[in-house]
Structures are given as structure tokens and as C-alpha cells.
Amino acid sequence: MISINDVSISFGEQSVLENVSFDIHDEEIIMVVGQSGCGKSVLMKIIAGLLPPDQGYVTINGKNLMQSSKDEAIQIRQKLAMLFQGSALLDSLNVYQNVALPLFEHTRLSDQEIEEQVKEKLAKVGLSDILLKMPSELSGGMRKRVAFARAIITSPRYIIYDEPTTGLDPVLASEITALISNLHSTQSTATVIVTHDLYCIEKISGRIVMLADKNIIFDGSYEKFKNASDKRIQRFLYSTER
């Protein structure tokens, strides 16, 4: 379980999050939603240990990443993968090298074992015969899928998707949404999706945590979310483009 405890953060004089607390349980789907600029991506970077909070702390399976030794932090991070909005593939590496990178860095697998795992994970996301292609040769959707393959290559217990459908056309956004659902059902992970995409929210229909006014204003099922009377929720539901 990931536990977020009284997390607050500011940038200069601008307070972004104040005393945010909630838990992410093993193998659940949770959608962290809210208008652009509400602090969703900042919160996810804090959870992943990429940003230290000004106040509060995050534990992953009972361990505080920020208070861990270097070796402990590496072990904790191997249980968590983050798929960034822009895919974050390394332009100087081909597809095989991008997907295999976590295995080269953190395991002692042989080259043959690594190649087998890379091919297996690429097959899971619907790709094959592209090992030697460079990121610049791939479409936007293919880059997303390669990033998915890299995210699951170490079989993490938690995967965070940061705005996975932003900037995609409706057909591709639908394909990516279906891929996330399929990966969740086959990988036995906790899936955390940061999004303001109503189509993605409706189709995946997991637990909803909504951020507004620097804190959580809703935590519950999709059915209760869409019927909530809070004006901030209604404004989000009816002003966000599908």
C-alpha cells in the first residue's frame, strides 16, 4: 500500500497542496482527477520520490522513500513505475535499449534473458519487430506503447500514469485507455491514473480522488462522483471536454 500523509508543498509563495492524505491499495484502480493546475502531477511526483514535500510524508509498503538509504530507495522505486505524459523515451537509444534500460540498471540478467523479457512486454502492448527503431521513427501512439512496455518491464506493484491520453486523437485515446485496463487486469498492479479526460474516467471507472482548492474534495466510486452535488465536481464534469 502507498500511504500519503498530510502532504503539503508550495513553490515560492504559491501553495499547491495542503495536508493531502489518502491511501492507494494494492491492485486497485484509482483516478486522480481535477482541473489543470490543481496539483495532480505535482502530487504524483511526490509519491514517486521525484519531489520532496514541504510537509508530510509518503510511505510505500511502510517505508519512507525520502528517509531511506540509497540502496533501500532503489529497491522501493523498483516497485513503482511512472509513465510520463510525454512518454520520456531517450532519443539516443533505440526501442530495445529504452525498454531494457531498467533491467540493465537493476538486474543481473543475461542479454538473452533481457531480450526475451523486452519482446514479451512489447507483445503485451501490441508491438513487435520494432526493437531497432529509434523513437523519432515512431508515431505518438507507438511511443506511448513503448513507454508502457518500459514501465512494466520490472513487474512493478504500482504504476502511475500521468495524463496518458492528453494530446491524442479520440481513436488513439480510446486505444490507450483500453490498454491501461488490459495491463491492469494482467499485471496485478495498483493502477494510478492522473487525468482530466472524462472519457478515460468513465471507461475505466475506478475509485475517484478529486483535487481542488489544494486538497481532496472527493474520494469514492465513479457512480457517486458523477452524481455528487458539489458545484466544483459538477463544473468539472460539464466543462471538461470529452
C-alpha atoms as a PDB file:
ATOM      1  CA  MET A   1       0.000   0.000   0.000  1.00  0.00           C
ATOM      2  CA  ILE A   2       1.082   3.567  -0.680  1.00  0.00           C
ATOM      3  CA  SER A   3       0.099   5.985   2.076  1.00  0.00           C
ATOM      4  CA  ILE A   4       0.093   9.766   1.564  1.00  0.00           C
ATOM      5  CA  ASN A   5       0.136  11.528   4.924  1.00  0.00           C
ATOM      6  CA  ASP A   6      -0.582  15.287   5.384  1.00  0.00           C
ATOM      7  CA  VAL A   7       1.431  16.250   2.285  1.00  0.00           C
ATOM      8  CA  SER A   8       1.859  19.967   1.583  1.00  0.00           C
ATOM      9  CA  ILE A   9       4.006  21.745  -0.991  1.00  0.00           C
ATOM     10  CA  SER A  10       4.483  25.317  -2.209  1.00  0.00           C
ATOM     11  CA  PHE A  11       6.514  26.883  -4.990  1.00  0.00           C
ATOM     12  CA  GLY A  12       7.657  30.273  -3.792  1.00  0.00           C
ATOM     13  CA  GLU A  13       4.617  31.971  -2.311  1.00  0.00           C
ATOM     14  CA  GLN A  14       2.182  29.776  -4.251  1.00  0.00           C
ATOM     15  CA  SER A  15       0.713  26.953  -2.174  1.00  0.00           C
ATOM     16  CA  VAL A  16      -0.197  23.987  -4.385  1.00  0.00           C
ATOM     17  CA  LEU A  17      -1.209  21.234  -1.931  1.00  0.00           C
ATOM     18  CA  GLU A  18      -2.145  21.475   1.743  1.00  0.00           C
ATOM     19  CA  ASN A  19      -2.388  18.496   4.114  1.00  0.00           C
ATOM     20  CA  VAL A  20      -3.350  15.932   1.470  1.00  0.00           C
ATOM     21  CA  SER A  21      -3.893  12.398   2.814  1.00  0.00           C
ATOM     22  CA  PHE A  22      -5.174   9.170   1.199  1.00  0.00           C
ATOM     23  CA  ASP A  23      -4.116   5.567   0.631  1.00  0.00           C
ATOM     24  CA  ILE A  24      -3.539   3.629  -2.586  1.00  0.00           C
ATOM     25  CA  HIS A  25      -4.342  -0.027  -2.013  1.00  0.00           C
ATOM     26  CA  ASP A  26      -2.727  -2.963  -3.782  1.00  0.00           C
ATOM     27  CA  GLU A  27      -4.302  -3.963  -7.125  1.00  0.00           C
ATOM     28  CA  GLU A  28      -6.896  -1.163  -7.170  1.00  0.00           C
ATOM     29  CA  ILE A  29      -7.534   1.384  -9.918  1.00  0.00           C
ATOM     30  CA  ILE A  30      -7.562   4.956  -8.688  1.00  0.00           C
ATOM     31  CA  MET A  31      -8.165   8.043 -10.822  1.00  0.00           C
ATOM     32  CA  VAL A  32      -6.667  11.288  -9.502  1.00  0.00           C
ATOM     33  CA  VAL A  33      -8.699  13.970 -11.261  1.00  0.00           C
ATOM     34  CA  GLY A  34      -9.162  17.716 -11.302  1.00  0.00           C
ATOM     35  CA  GLN A  35      -8.813  20.800 -13.445  1.00  0.00           C
ATOM     36  CA  SER A  36      -5.426  21.612 -14.991  1.00  0.00           C
ATOM     37  CA  GLY A  37      -3.145  23.274 -12.460  1.00  0.00           C
ATOM     38  CA  CYS A  38      -4.772  21.739  -9.368  1.00  0.00           C
ATOM     39  CA  GLY A  39      -1.611  19.852  -8.361  1.00  0.00           C
ATOM     40  CA  LYS A  40      -2.306  16.357  -9.708  1.00  0.00           C
ATOM     41  CA  SER A  41       1.051  15.861 -11.424  1.00  0.00           C
ATOM     42  CA  VAL A  42       2.902  17.505  -8.534  1.00  0.00           C
ATOM     43  CA  LEU A  43       1.299  15.021  -6.146  1.00  0.00           C
ATOM     44  CA  MET A  44       2.298  12.078  -8.325  1.00  0.00           C
ATOM     45  CA  LYS A  45       5.915  13.287  -8.468  1.00  0.00           C
ATOM     46  CA  ILE A  46       5.913  13.478  -4.676  1.00  0.00           C
ATOM     47  CA  ILE A  47       4.591   9.908  -4.466  1.00  0.00           C
ATOM     48  CA  ALA A  48       7.298   8.719  -6.887  1.00  0.00           C
ATOM     49  CA  GLY A  49      10.001  10.461  -4.844  1.00  0.00           C
ATOM     50  CA  LEU A  50      10.830  12.970  -7.587  1.00  0.00           C
ATOM     51  CA  LEU A  51       9.775  15.948  -5.430  1.00  0.00           C
ATOM     52  CA  PRO A  52      10.176  16.262  -1.662  1.00  0.00           C
ATOM     53  CA  PRO A  53       7.093  17.677   0.105  1.00  0.00           C
ATOM     54  CA  ASP A  54       7.460  20.714   2.336  1.00  0.00           C
ATOM     55  CA  GLN A  55       5.423  18.902   4.964  1.00  0.00           C
ATOM     56  CA  GLY A  56       4.132  15.362   5.467  1.00  0.00           C
ATOM     57  CA  TYR A  57       5.457  12.130   4.029  1.00  0.00           C
ATOM     58  CA  VAL A  58       4.719   9.194   1.724  1.00  0.00           C
ATOM     59  CA  THR A  59       5.293   5.548   2.581  1.00  0.00           C
ATOM     60  CA  ILE A  60       5.440   2.677   0.086  1.00  0.00           C
ATOM     61  CA  ASN A  61       4.818  -0.656   1.797  1.00  0.00           C
ATOM     62  CA  GLY A  62       5.564   1.064   5.100  1.00  0.00           C
ATOM     63  CA  LYS A  63       8.874   2.607   4.008  1.00  0.00           C
ATOM     64  CA  ASN A  64       9.513   6.334   3.620  1.00  0.00           C
ATOM     65  CA  LEU A  65      11.405   6.867   0.363  1.00  0.00           C
ATOM     66  CA  MET A  66      12.845  10.214   1.482  1.00  0.00           C
ATOM     67  CA  GLN A  67      14.305   8.728   4.658  1.00  0.00           C
ATOM     68  CA  SER A  68      15.728   5.606   3.053  1.00  0.00           C
ATOM     69  CA  SER A  69      19.334   4.848   2.194  1.00  0.00           C
ATOM     70  CA  LYS A  70      20.366   4.851  -1.459  1.00  0.00           C
ATOM     71  CA  ASP A  71      20.137   1.058  -1.730  1.00  0.00           C
ATOM     72  CA  GLU A  72      16.749   0.985   0.044  1.00  0.00           C
ATOM     73  CA  ALA A  73      15.436   3.777  -2.182  1.00  0.00           C
ATOM     74  CA  ILE A  74      16.408   1.813  -5.310  1.00  0.00           C
ATOM     75  CA  GLN A  75      14.560  -1.263  -4.010  1.00  0.00           C
ATOM     76  CA  ILE A  76      11.468   0.804  -3.191  1.00  0.00           C
ATOM     77  CA  ARG A  77      11.469   2.551  -6.583  1.00  0.00           C
ATOM     78  CA  GLN A  78      11.639  -0.801  -8.371  1.00  0.00           C
ATOM     79  CA  LYS A  79       8.151  -1.495  -7.015  1.00  0.00           C
ATOM     80  CA  LEU A  80       6.802   1.694  -8.604  1.00  0.00           C
ATOM     81  CA  ALA A  81       6.783   2.796 -12.244  1.00  0.00           C
ATOM     82  CA  MET A  82       5.719   6.169 -13.617  1.00  0.00           C
ATOM     83  CA  LEU A  83       4.629   6.751 -17.188  1.00  0.00           C
ATOM     84  CA  PHE A  84       5.140  10.410 -18.007  1.00  0.00           C
ATOM     85  CA  GLN A  85       2.798  12.487 -20.138  1.00  0.00           C
ATOM     86  CA  GLY A  86       5.324  12.829 -22.967  1.00  0.00           C
ATOM     87  CA  SER A  87       6.455   9.171 -22.760  1.00  0.00           C
ATOM     88  CA  ALA A  88      10.016  10.310 -21.827  1.00  0.00           C
ATOM     89  CA  LEU A  89      11.806   7.914 -24.159  1.00  0.00           C
ATOM     90  CA  LEU A  90      15.536   8.557 -24.555  1.00  0.00           C
ATOM     91  CA  ASP A  91      16.048   9.808 -28.103  1.00  0.00           C
ATOM     92  CA  SER A  92      19.595   8.446 -28.343  1.00  0.00           C
ATOM     93  CA  LEU A  93      18.502   4.869 -27.578  1.00  0.00           C
ATOM     94  CA  ASN A  94      16.522   2.508 -29.791  1.00  0.00           C
ATOM     95  CA  VAL A  95      13.325   0.785 -28.656  1.00  0.00           C
ATOM     96  CA  TYR A  96      15.124  -2.261 -27.280  1.00  0.00           C
ATOM     97  CA  GLN A  97      17.564  -0.134 -25.283  1.00  0.00           C
ATOM     98  CA  ASN A  98      14.776   2.089 -23.913  1.00  0.00           C
ATOM     99  CA  VAL A  99      12.651  -0.809 -22.710  1.00  0.00           C
ATOM    100  CA  ALA A 100      15.609  -2.830 -21.425  1.00  0.00           C
ATOM    101  CA  LEU A 101      17.214   0.063 -19.537  1.00  0.00           C
ATOM    102  CA  PRO A 102      15.696  -0.755 -16.088  1.00  0.00           C
ATOM    103  CA  LEU A 103      16.862  -4.360 -16.425  1.00  0.00           C
ATOM    104  CA  PHE A 104      20.387  -3.311 -17.400  1.00  0.00           C
ATOM    105  CA  GLU A 105      20.491  -0.895 -14.460  1.00  0.00           C
ATOM    106  CA  HIS A 106      18.963  -3.016 -11.704  1.00  0.00           C
ATOM    107  CA  THR A 107      19.305  -6.715 -12.551  1.00  0.00           C
ATOM    108  CA  ARG A 108      21.974  -9.262 -13.415  1.00  0.00           C
ATOM    109  CA  LEU A 109      20.000 -10.957 -16.157  1.00  0.00           C
ATOM    110  CA  SER A 110      21.850 -12.217 -19.215  1.00  0.00           C
ATOM    111  CA  ASP A 111      21.492 -10.420 -22.550  1.00  0.00           C
ATOM    112  CA  GLN A 112      19.320 -13.282 -23.829  1.00  0.00           C
ATOM    113  CA  GLU A 113      17.025 -13.115 -20.776  1.00  0.00           C
ATOM    114  CA  ILE A 114      16.689  -9.356 -21.142  1.00  0.00           C
ATOM    115  CA  GLU A 115      15.863  -9.638 -24.843  1.00  0.00           C
ATOM    116  CA  GLU A 116      13.190 -12.245 -24.094  1.00  0.00           C
ATOM    117  CA  GLN A 117      11.590 -10.012 -21.480  1.00  0.00           C
ATOM    118  CA  VAL A 118      11.673  -6.957 -23.750  1.00  0.00           C
ATOM    119  CA  LYS A 119       9.976  -8.875 -26.565  1.00  0.00           C
ATOM    120  CA  GLU A 120       7.375 -10.257 -24.142  1.00  0.00           C
ATOM    121  CA  LYS A 121       6.495  -6.815 -22.754  1.00  0.00           C
ATOM    122  CA  LEU A 122       6.347  -5.247 -26.222  1.00  0.00           C
ATOM    123  CA  ALA A 123       3.978  -8.034 -27.288  1.00  0.00           C
ATOM    124  CA  LYS A 124       1.760  -7.211 -24.288  1.00  0.00           C
ATOM    125  CA  VAL A 125       1.322  -3.672 -25.599  1.00  0.00           C
ATOM    126  CA  GLY A 126       0.708  -4.819 -29.165  1.00  0.00           C
ATOM    127  CA  LEU A 127       4.123  -4.147 -30.697  1.00  0.00           C
ATOM    128  CA  SER A 128       6.598  -6.412 -32.451  1.00  0.00           C
ATOM    129  CA  ASP A 129       9.544  -6.180 -34.868  1.00  0.00           C
ATOM    130  CA  ILE A 130      10.476  -2.643 -33.789  1.00  0.00           C
ATOM    131  CA  LEU A 131      13.428  -3.377 -31.469  1.00  0.00           C
ATOM    132  CA  LEU A 132      15.935  -1.426 -33.538  1.00  0.00           C
ATOM    133  CA  LYS A 133      13.728   1.556 -34.384  1.00  0.00           C
ATOM    134  CA  MET A 134      14.567   4.940 -32.851  1.00  0.00           C
ATOM    135  CA  PRO A 135      11.910   6.993 -31.008  1.00  0.00           C
ATOM    136  CA  SER A 136      11.939   9.551 -33.840  1.00  0.00           C
ATOM    137  CA  GLU A 137      10.732   6.821 -36.222  1.00  0.00           C
ATOM    138  CA  LEU A 138       7.650   6.019 -34.118  1.00  0.00           C
ATOM    139  CA  SER A 139       4.179   7.525 -34.124  1.00  0.00           C
ATOM    140  CA  GLY A 140       2.838   9.150 -30.961  1.00  0.00           C
ATOM    141  CA  GLY A 141       0.790   6.081 -30.145  1.00  0.00           C
ATOM    142  CA  MET A 142       3.746   3.742 -30.642  1.00  0.00           C
ATOM    143  CA  ARG A 143       5.919   5.886 -28.366  1.00  0.00           C
ATOM    144  CA  LYS A 144       3.210   5.626 -25.683  1.00  0.00           C
ATOM    145  CA  ARG A 145       3.162   1.837 -26.051  1.00  0.00           C
ATOM    146  CA  VAL A 146       6.950   1.582 -25.818  1.00  0.00           C
ATOM    147  CA  ALA A 147       6.790   3.679 -22.650  1.00  0.00           C
ATOM    148  CA  PHE A 148       4.141   1.262 -21.299  1.00  0.00           C
ATOM    149  CA  ALA A 149       6.442  -1.672 -22.036  1.00  0.00           C
ATOM    150  CA  ARG A 150       9.314   0.020 -20.212  1.00  0.00           C
ATOM    151  CA  ALA A 151       7.044   0.796 -17.239  1.00  0.00           C
ATOM    152  CA  ILE A 152       6.065  -2.864 -16.768  1.00  0.00           C
ATOM    153  CA  ILE A 153       9.446  -4.440 -17.579  1.00  0.00           C
ATOM    154  CA  THR A 154      10.339  -4.852 -13.873  1.00  0.00           C
ATOM    155  CA  SER A 155       6.839  -6.105 -12.927  1.00  0.00           C
ATOM    156  CA  PRO A 156       6.139  -3.194 -10.542  1.00  0.00           C
ATOM    157  CA  ARG A 157       3.407  -3.344  -7.891  1.00  0.00           C
ATOM    158  CA  TYR A 158       2.311   0.232  -8.639  1.00  0.00           C
ATOM    159  CA  ILE A 159       2.066   2.091 -11.945  1.00  0.00           C
ATOM    160  CA  ILE A 160       1.355   5.832 -12.164  1.00  0.00           C
ATOM    161  CA  TYR A 161       0.095   7.204 -15.495  1.00  0.00           C
ATOM    162  CA  ASP A 162       0.409  10.985 -15.823  1.00  0.00           C
ATOM    163  CA  GLU A 163      -2.240  12.293 -18.252  1.00  0.00           C
ATOM    164  CA  PRO A 164      -1.911   9.236 -20.553  1.00  0.00           C
ATOM    165  CA  THR A 165      -4.427  10.410 -23.172  1.00  0.00           C
ATOM    166  CA  THR A 166      -3.573  14.131 -23.323  1.00  0.00           C
ATOM    167  CA  GLY A 167      -2.892  15.341 -26.853  1.00  0.00           C
ATOM    168  CA  LEU A 168      -4.133  12.153 -28.527  1.00  0.00           C
ATOM    169  CA  ASP A 169      -6.923  11.951 -31.073  1.00  0.00           C
ATOM    170  CA  PRO A 170     -10.138  10.214 -29.880  1.00  0.00           C
ATOM    171  CA  VAL A 171      -9.355   6.877 -31.568  1.00  0.00           C
ATOM    172  CA  LEU A 172      -5.846   6.675 -30.132  1.00  0.00           C
ATOM    173  CA  ALA A 173      -7.048   7.885 -26.713  1.00  0.00           C
ATOM    174  CA  SER A 174      -9.598   5.053 -26.731  1.00  0.00           C
ATOM    175  CA  GLU A 175      -6.875   2.523 -27.604  1.00  0.00           C
ATOM    176  CA  ILE A 176      -4.596   3.774 -24.813  1.00  0.00           C
ATOM    177  CA  THR A 177      -7.465   3.671 -22.306  1.00  0.00           C
ATOM    178  CA  ALA A 178      -8.206   0.054 -23.283  1.00  0.00           C
ATOM    179  CA  LEU A 179      -4.509  -0.795 -22.999  1.00  0.00           C
ATOM    180  CA  ILE A 180      -4.348   0.595 -19.448  1.00  0.00           C
ATOM    181  CA  SER A 181      -7.354  -1.513 -18.438  1.00  0.00           C
ATOM    182  CA  ASN A 182      -5.845  -4.624 -20.015  1.00  0.00           C
ATOM    183  CA  LEU A 183      -2.458  -4.107 -18.376  1.00  0.00           C
ATOM    184  CA  HIS A 184      -4.131  -3.645 -15.006  1.00  0.00           C
ATOM    185  CA  SER A 185      -6.026  -6.920 -15.323  1.00  0.00           C
ATOM    186  CA  THR A 186      -2.989  -8.904 -16.487  1.00  0.00           C
ATOM    187  CA  GLN A 187      -0.181  -7.360 -14.400  1.00  0.00           C
ATOM    188  CA  SER A 188      -1.812  -7.452 -10.915  1.00  0.00           C
ATOM    189  CA  THR A 189      -0.702  -3.919 -10.144  1.00  0.00           C
ATOM    190  CA  ALA A 190      -2.218  -0.943  -8.412  1.00  0.00           C
ATOM    191  CA  THR A 191      -3.006   1.494 -11.226  1.00  0.00           C
ATOM    192  CA  VAL A 192      -2.973   5.237 -10.552  1.00  0.00           C
ATOM    193  CA  ILE A 193      -4.169   7.455 -13.406  1.00  0.00           C
ATOM    194  CA  VAL A 194      -3.768  11.223 -13.278  1.00  0.00           C
ATOM    195  CA  THR A 195      -6.223  12.715 -15.748  1.00  0.00           C
ATOM    196  CA  HIS A 196      -8.880  15.264 -16.582  1.00  0.00           C
ATOM    197  CA  ASP A 197     -10.100  13.198 -19.560  1.00  0.00           C
ATOM    198  CA  LEU A 198     -13.765  12.355 -18.927  1.00  0.00           C
ATOM    199  CA  TYR A 199     -13.746   9.539 -21.493  1.00  0.00           C
ATOM    200  CA  CYS A 200     -10.853   7.832 -19.678  1.00  0.00           C
ATOM    201  CA  ILE A 201     -12.532   8.401 -16.300  1.00  0.00           C
ATOM    202  CA  GLU A 202     -15.853   6.951 -17.494  1.00  0.00           C
ATOM    203  CA  LYS A 203     -14.433   3.940 -19.320  1.00  0.00           C
ATOM    204  CA  ILE A 204     -12.043   2.806 -16.589  1.00  0.00           C
ATOM    205  CA  SER A 205     -14.450   3.758 -13.813  1.00  0.00           C
ATOM    206  CA  GLY A 206     -12.168   3.171 -10.834  1.00  0.00           C
ATOM    207  CA  ARG A 207     -12.045   4.890  -7.482  1.00  0.00           C
ATOM    208  CA  ILE A 208     -12.072   8.665  -7.955  1.00  0.00           C
ATOM    209  CA  VAL A 209      -9.960  11.094  -5.925  1.00  0.00           C
ATOM    210  CA  MET A 210     -10.567  14.699  -6.960  1.00  0.00           C
ATOM    211  CA  LEU A 211      -8.255  17.577  -6.107  1.00  0.00           C
ATOM    212  CA  ALA A 212      -9.462  21.178  -5.883  1.00  0.00           C
ATOM    213  CA  ASP A 213      -8.588  24.148  -3.710  1.00  0.00           C
ATOM    214  CA  LYS A 214      -5.303  22.481  -2.667  1.00  0.00           C
ATOM    215  CA  ASN A 215      -6.876  19.385  -1.143  1.00  0.00           C
ATOM    216  CA  ILE A 216      -9.103  16.347  -1.762  1.00  0.00           C
ATOM    217  CA  ILE A 217     -12.762  17.255  -2.213  1.00  0.00           C
ATOM    218  CA  PHE A 218     -13.996  13.787  -3.224  1.00  0.00           C
ATOM    219  CA  ASP A 219     -12.873  10.194  -2.664  1.00  0.00           C
ATOM    220  CA  GLY A 220     -15.231   7.446  -3.791  1.00  0.00           C
ATOM    221  CA  SER A 221     -16.760   5.463  -6.650  1.00  0.00           C
ATOM    222  CA  TYR A 222     -17.380   6.796 -10.145  1.00  0.00           C
ATOM    223  CA  GLU A 223     -21.142   6.402  -9.688  1.00  0.00           C
ATOM    224  CA  LYS A 224     -21.127   8.589  -6.592  1.00  0.00           C
ATOM    225  CA  PHE A 225     -18.752  11.029  -8.276  1.00  0.00           C
ATOM    226  CA  LYS A 226     -20.945  11.705 -11.284  1.00  0.00           C
ATOM    227  CA  ASN A 227     -23.972  12.211  -9.014  1.00  0.00           C
ATOM    228  CA  ALA A 228     -22.206  14.419  -6.453  1.00  0.00           C
ATOM    229  CA  SER A 229     -23.823  17.777  -5.745  1.00  0.00           C
ATOM    230  CA  ASP A 230     -20.577  19.679  -5.096  1.00  0.00           C
ATOM    231  CA  LYS A 231     -20.504  22.547  -7.599  1.00  0.00           C
ATOM    232  CA  ARG A 232     -16.772  22.071  -8.225  1.00  0.00           C
ATOM    233  CA  ILE A 233     -17.400  18.480  -9.278  1.00  0.00           C
ATOM    234  CA  GLN A 234     -20.343  19.419 -11.480  1.00  0.00           C
ATOM    235  CA  ARG A 235     -18.304  22.180 -13.093  1.00  0.00           C
ATOM    236  CA  PHE A 236     -15.525  19.689 -13.788  1.00  0.00           C
ATOM    237  CA  LEU A 237     -17.910  17.119 -15.261  1.00  0.00           C
ATOM    238  CA  TYR A 238     -19.706  19.537 -17.554  1.00  0.00           C
ATOM    239  CA  SER A 239     -16.898  21.874 -18.551  1.00  0.00           C
ATOM    240  CA  THR A 240     -14.184  19.329 -19.338  1.00  0.00           C
ATOM    241  CA  GLU A 241     -14.046  18.349 -22.995  1.00  0.00           C
ATOM    242  CA  ARG A 242     -14.622  14.723 -23.840  1.00  0.00           C
END
